[in-house]
């Protein structure tokens, strides 16, 4: 997303791009911290996630303000307008990733109070895939690369499959080890949260394609418009 601001709209667009990328990097970092709190059963890390989420919320508000200023005062041309609208939508997804990280941190706090059980390796694998999807979607945004964005869309089915498998395995474990009920429920919650991260990465990727190509991929499979 490199640019050479030389007019007011260029400067405002540059500010908007820089802000959403800062927000994106914070969203990556807060997700990583929440997962580290899970792996290490560390309630202090979980508390840090709550504080970090406030920074993401502030950037979300800042993006709202910049979008309104651009729309009201800059009269952006079609390509810039698409990017403005895309970034506004992307900011919403990034803010929700922050909320998801807070939810995962809540699971970490509860798990830290229980006797330790071995977390399933499938949870680590699902976390890796969800984190990669988010990272790749953010890189596609930074480069405004629709080809890279489409690769994120193709990876989403794998995340969904892993979530389904992990939840089924946790339910089976509940039957075999009833003493682990509360912990297995949190494992299920974390899996569901990670699947949602994949969904938000998909949304971001779709917005990148829309901004770069003027191609709307939302609901494309159902509508036959891909």
Protein backbone atom coordinates (compact mmCIF):
# COMPACT_ATOMS: atom_id res chain seq x y z
CA UNK A 1 0.00 0.00 0.00
CA UNK A 2 2.82 2.42 -0.72
CA UNK A 3 1.73 5.83 -1.91
CA UNK A 4 3.03 9.34 -2.65
CA UNK A 5 0.64 11.80 -1.09
CA UNK A 6 0.56 15.01 -3.13
CA UNK A 7 -3.04 16.18 -2.73
CA UNK A 8 -5.40 16.32 0.21
CA UNK A 9 -7.18 13.15 -0.86
CA UNK A 10 -3.81 11.40 -1.24
CA UNK A 11 -2.80 12.47 2.24
CA UNK A 12 -6.11 11.44 3.78
CA UNK A 13 -6.07 8.10 1.97
CA UNK A 14 -2.50 7.54 3.17
CA UNK A 15 -3.58 8.25 6.73
CA UNK A 16 -6.51 5.84 6.38
CA UNK A 17 -4.31 3.06 4.98
CA UNK A 18 -1.68 3.53 7.68
CA UNK A 19 -4.30 3.46 10.43
CA UNK A 20 -6.00 0.28 9.25
CA UNK A 21 -2.65 -1.47 8.92
CA UNK A 22 -1.72 -0.44 12.47
CA UNK A 23 -5.06 -1.79 13.60
CA UNK A 24 -4.42 -5.01 11.67
CA UNK A 25 -1.02 -5.58 13.29
CA UNK A 26 -2.53 -4.98 16.72
CA UNK A 27 -5.26 -7.50 15.95
CA UNK A 28 -2.65 -10.08 15.00
CA UNK A 29 -0.69 -9.38 18.17
CA UNK A 30 -3.69 -9.56 20.49
CA UNK A 31 -4.76 -12.88 18.98
CA UNK A 32 -1.25 -14.24 19.47
CA UNK A 33 -1.22 -13.07 23.09
CA UNK A 34 -4.59 -14.65 23.83
CA UNK A 35 -3.40 -17.98 22.43
CA UNK A 36 -0.17 -17.77 24.39
CA UNK A 37 -2.31 -17.30 27.50
CA UNK A 38 -4.10 -20.54 26.56
CA UNK A 39 -0.93 -22.53 25.91
CA UNK A 40 0.76 -21.25 29.09
CA UNK A 41 -2.38 -21.02 31.26
CA UNK A 42 -1.25 -17.52 32.16
CA UNK A 43 -3.95 -15.25 33.64
CA UNK A 44 -1.66 -12.19 33.54
CA UNK A 45 -1.34 -12.51 29.76
CA UNK A 46 -5.10 -12.88 29.56
CA UNK A 47 -5.52 -9.63 31.47
CA UNK A 48 -3.15 -7.90 29.05
CA UNK A 49 -5.43 -8.88 26.17
CA UNK A 50 -8.28 -6.90 27.70
CA UNK A 51 -6.10 -3.80 27.88
CA UNK A 52 -4.77 -4.23 24.34
CA UNK A 53 -8.29 -4.46 22.96
CA UNK A 54 -8.91 -0.85 23.98
CA UNK A 55 -6.18 0.30 21.59
CA UNK A 56 -7.92 -1.53 18.75
CA UNK A 57 -11.23 0.12 19.65
CA UNK A 58 -9.57 3.56 19.58
CA UNK A 59 -8.21 2.93 16.09
CA UNK A 60 -11.64 1.76 14.97
CA UNK A 61 -13.09 5.11 16.04
CA UNK A 62 -10.20 6.93 14.35
CA UNK A 63 -10.92 5.11 11.09
CA UNK A 64 -14.60 6.08 11.33
CA UNK A 65 -13.60 9.72 11.65
CA UNK A 66 -11.19 9.57 8.73
CA UNK A 67 -13.70 7.80 6.49
CA UNK A 68 -16.33 10.43 7.21
CA UNK A 69 -13.84 13.21 6.47
CA UNK A 70 -12.83 11.67 3.16
CA UNK A 71 -16.42 11.09 2.06
CA UNK A 72 -17.56 14.54 3.12
CA UNK A 73 -14.64 16.67 1.94
CA UNK A 74 -12.45 14.84 -0.57
CA UNK A 75 -14.89 13.55 -3.22
CA UNK A 76 -12.80 10.41 -3.86
CA UNK A 77 -12.79 8.86 -7.33
CA UNK A 78 -14.15 5.36 -7.92
CA UNK A 79 -11.00 3.39 -7.02
CA UNK A 80 -10.37 5.43 -3.88
CA UNK A 81 -14.03 5.22 -2.93
CA UNK A 82 -13.97 1.43 -3.17
CA UNK A 83 -10.90 1.35 -0.93
CA UNK A 84 -12.48 3.69 1.61
CA UNK A 85 -15.59 1.52 1.83
CA UNK A 86 -13.46 -1.64 2.00
CA UNK A 87 -11.31 -0.28 4.82
CA UNK A 88 -14.36 0.73 6.82
CA UNK A 89 -15.66 -2.84 6.56
CA UNK A 90 -12.22 -4.32 7.27
CA UNK A 91 -11.92 -2.22 10.42
CA UNK A 92 -15.14 -3.80 11.68
CA UNK A 93 -13.69 -7.28 11.14
CA UNK A 94 -10.44 -6.34 12.86
CA UNK A 95 -12.32 -4.92 15.84
CA UNK A 96 -14.21 -8.21 16.10
CA UNK A 97 -10.92 -10.14 16.03
CA UNK A 98 -9.98 -8.10 19.10
CA UNK A 99 -13.26 -9.11 20.74
CA UNK A 100 -12.58 -12.75 19.87
CA UNK A 101 -9.13 -12.49 21.46
CA UNK A 102 -10.77 -11.20 24.64
CA UNK A 103 -13.10 -14.20 24.61
CA UNK A 104 -10.17 -16.59 24.17
CA UNK A 105 -8.41 -14.82 27.04
CA UNK A 106 -11.49 -15.47 29.16
CA UNK A 107 -11.12 -19.17 28.40
CA UNK A 108 -7.45 -18.94 29.39
CA UNK A 109 -8.34 -17.41 32.76
CA UNK A 110 -10.81 -20.20 33.49
CA UNK A 111 -8.40 -22.91 32.36
CA UNK A 112 -5.68 -21.47 34.61
CA UNK A 113 -7.86 -22.25 37.64
CA UNK A 114 -8.36 -25.91 36.73
CA UNK A 115 -6.08 -28.94 37.01
CA UNK A 116 -4.04 -29.11 33.83
CA UNK A 117 -5.14 -31.37 31.01
CA UNK A 118 -3.26 -31.88 27.78
CA UNK A 119 -4.69 -29.63 25.12
CA UNK A 120 -5.36 -31.51 21.87
CA UNK A 121 -2.72 -31.02 19.18
CA UNK A 122 -5.58 -30.31 16.79
CA UNK A 123 -6.21 -27.08 18.70
CA UNK A 124 -2.66 -25.92 17.96
CA UNK A 125 -3.14 -26.83 14.31
CA UNK A 126 -6.43 -24.95 14.10
CA UNK A 127 -4.82 -21.94 15.78
CA UNK A 128 -1.94 -22.01 13.29
CA UNK A 129 -4.33 -22.09 10.34
CA UNK A 130 -6.54 -19.30 11.69
CA UNK A 131 -3.55 -17.11 12.50
CA UNK A 132 -2.11 -17.75 9.03
CA UNK A 133 -5.41 -16.83 7.38
CA UNK A 134 -5.54 -13.54 9.29
CA UNK A 135 -1.87 -12.80 8.59
CA UNK A 136 -2.26 -13.54 4.88
CA UNK A 137 -5.41 -11.45 4.61
CA UNK A 138 -3.63 -8.53 6.24
CA UNK A 139 -0.68 -8.91 3.87
CA UNK A 140 -3.07 -8.97 0.92
CA UNK A 141 -4.53 -5.74 2.26
CA UNK A 142 -1.10 -4.17 2.67
CA UNK A 143 -0.20 -5.08 -0.92
CA UNK A 144 -3.74 -4.64 -2.26
CA UNK A 145 -3.18 -8.03 -3.89
CA UNK A 146 -6.39 -9.75 -5.04
CA UNK A 147 -4.57 -12.96 -5.96
CA UNK A 148 -3.24 -13.34 -2.41
CA UNK A 149 -6.69 -12.47 -1.08
CA UNK A 150 -8.30 -15.24 -3.13
CA UNK A 151 -5.83 -17.73 -1.63
CA UNK A 152 -7.17 -16.81 1.82
CA UNK A 153 -10.69 -17.64 0.65
CA UNK A 154 -9.57 -21.08 -0.51
CA UNK A 155 -8.07 -21.87 2.91
CA UNK A 156 -11.27 -21.23 4.86
CA UNK A 157 -12.83 -24.66 4.25
CA UNK A 158 -9.83 -26.33 5.89
CA UNK A 159 -10.34 -24.23 9.02
CA UNK A 160 -14.03 -25.18 9.15
CA UNK A 161 -13.20 -28.87 8.82
CA UNK A 162 -10.62 -28.75 11.61
CA UNK A 163 -13.05 -26.97 13.90
CA UNK A 164 -15.70 -29.65 13.29
CA UNK A 165 -13.23 -32.47 13.97
CA UNK A 166 -11.94 -30.87 17.15
CA UNK A 167 -15.40 -30.24 18.56
CA UNK A 168 -16.45 -33.84 17.87
CA UNK A 169 -13.30 -35.09 19.62
CA UNK A 170 -13.94 -32.85 22.64
CA UNK A 171 -17.53 -34.08 22.91
CA UNK A 172 -16.28 -37.66 22.86
CA UNK A 173 -13.78 -36.76 25.59
CA UNK A 174 -16.60 -35.32 27.69
CA UNK A 175 -18.25 -38.74 27.71
CA UNK A 176 -15.02 -40.53 28.66
CA UNK A 177 -13.70 -37.99 31.19
CA UNK A 178 -16.61 -36.22 32.90
CA UNK A 179 -14.24 -34.58 35.40
CA UNK A 180 -12.84 -32.54 32.51
CA UNK A 181 -16.21 -31.13 31.49
CA UNK A 182 -15.48 -27.48 32.20
CA UNK A 183 -12.12 -27.58 30.50
CA UNK A 184 -13.40 -29.42 27.44
CA UNK A 185 -16.16 -26.84 27.09
CA UNK A 186 -13.51 -24.11 27.02
CA UNK A 187 -11.57 -26.06 24.39
CA UNK A 188 -14.75 -26.11 22.30
CA UNK A 189 -15.21 -22.38 22.83
CA UNK A 190 -11.64 -21.68 21.71
CA UNK A 191 -12.14 -23.79 18.59
CA UNK A 192 -15.30 -21.86 17.75
CA UNK A 193 -13.54 -18.54 18.31
CA UNK A 194 -10.68 -19.58 16.02
CA UNK A 195 -13.14 -20.55 13.30
CA UNK A 196 -14.61 -17.06 13.59
CA UNK A 197 -11.14 -15.59 13.11
CA UNK A 198 -11.02 -17.50 9.84
CA UNK A 199 -14.38 -16.01 8.88
CA UNK A 200 -13.14 -12.49 9.55
CA UNK A 201 -9.97 -13.18 7.54
CA UNK A 202 -12.24 -14.28 4.69
CA UNK A 203 -14.25 -11.07 4.97
CA UNK A 204 -11.06 -9.00 4.83
CA UNK A 205 -9.89 -10.91 1.76
CA UNK A 206 -13.22 -10.34 0.03
CA UNK A 207 -12.94 -6.61 0.68
CA UNK A 208 -9.43 -6.58 -0.79
CA UNK A 209 -10.75 -8.18 -3.99
CA UNK A 210 -13.58 -5.66 -4.09
CA UNK A 211 -11.21 -2.72 -3.67
CA UNK A 212 -8.67 -4.00 -6.17
CA UNK A 213 -10.91 -5.48 -8.87
CA UNK A 214 -14.38 -4.03 -8.24
CA UNK A 215 -15.52 -7.66 -7.91
CA UNK A 216 -17.96 -8.44 -5.10
CA UNK A 217 -17.42 -11.97 -3.81
CA UNK A 218 -19.85 -11.85 -0.90
CA UNK A 219 -22.28 -14.78 -1.03
CA UNK A 220 -20.78 -15.61 -4.44
CA UNK A 221 -21.25 -19.38 -4.08
CA UNK A 222 -24.95 -19.07 -3.26
CA UNK A 223 -25.53 -16.40 -5.87
CA UNK A 224 -23.34 -18.00 -8.58
CA UNK A 225 -21.33 -14.81 -9.07
CA UNK A 226 -17.77 -15.91 -8.24
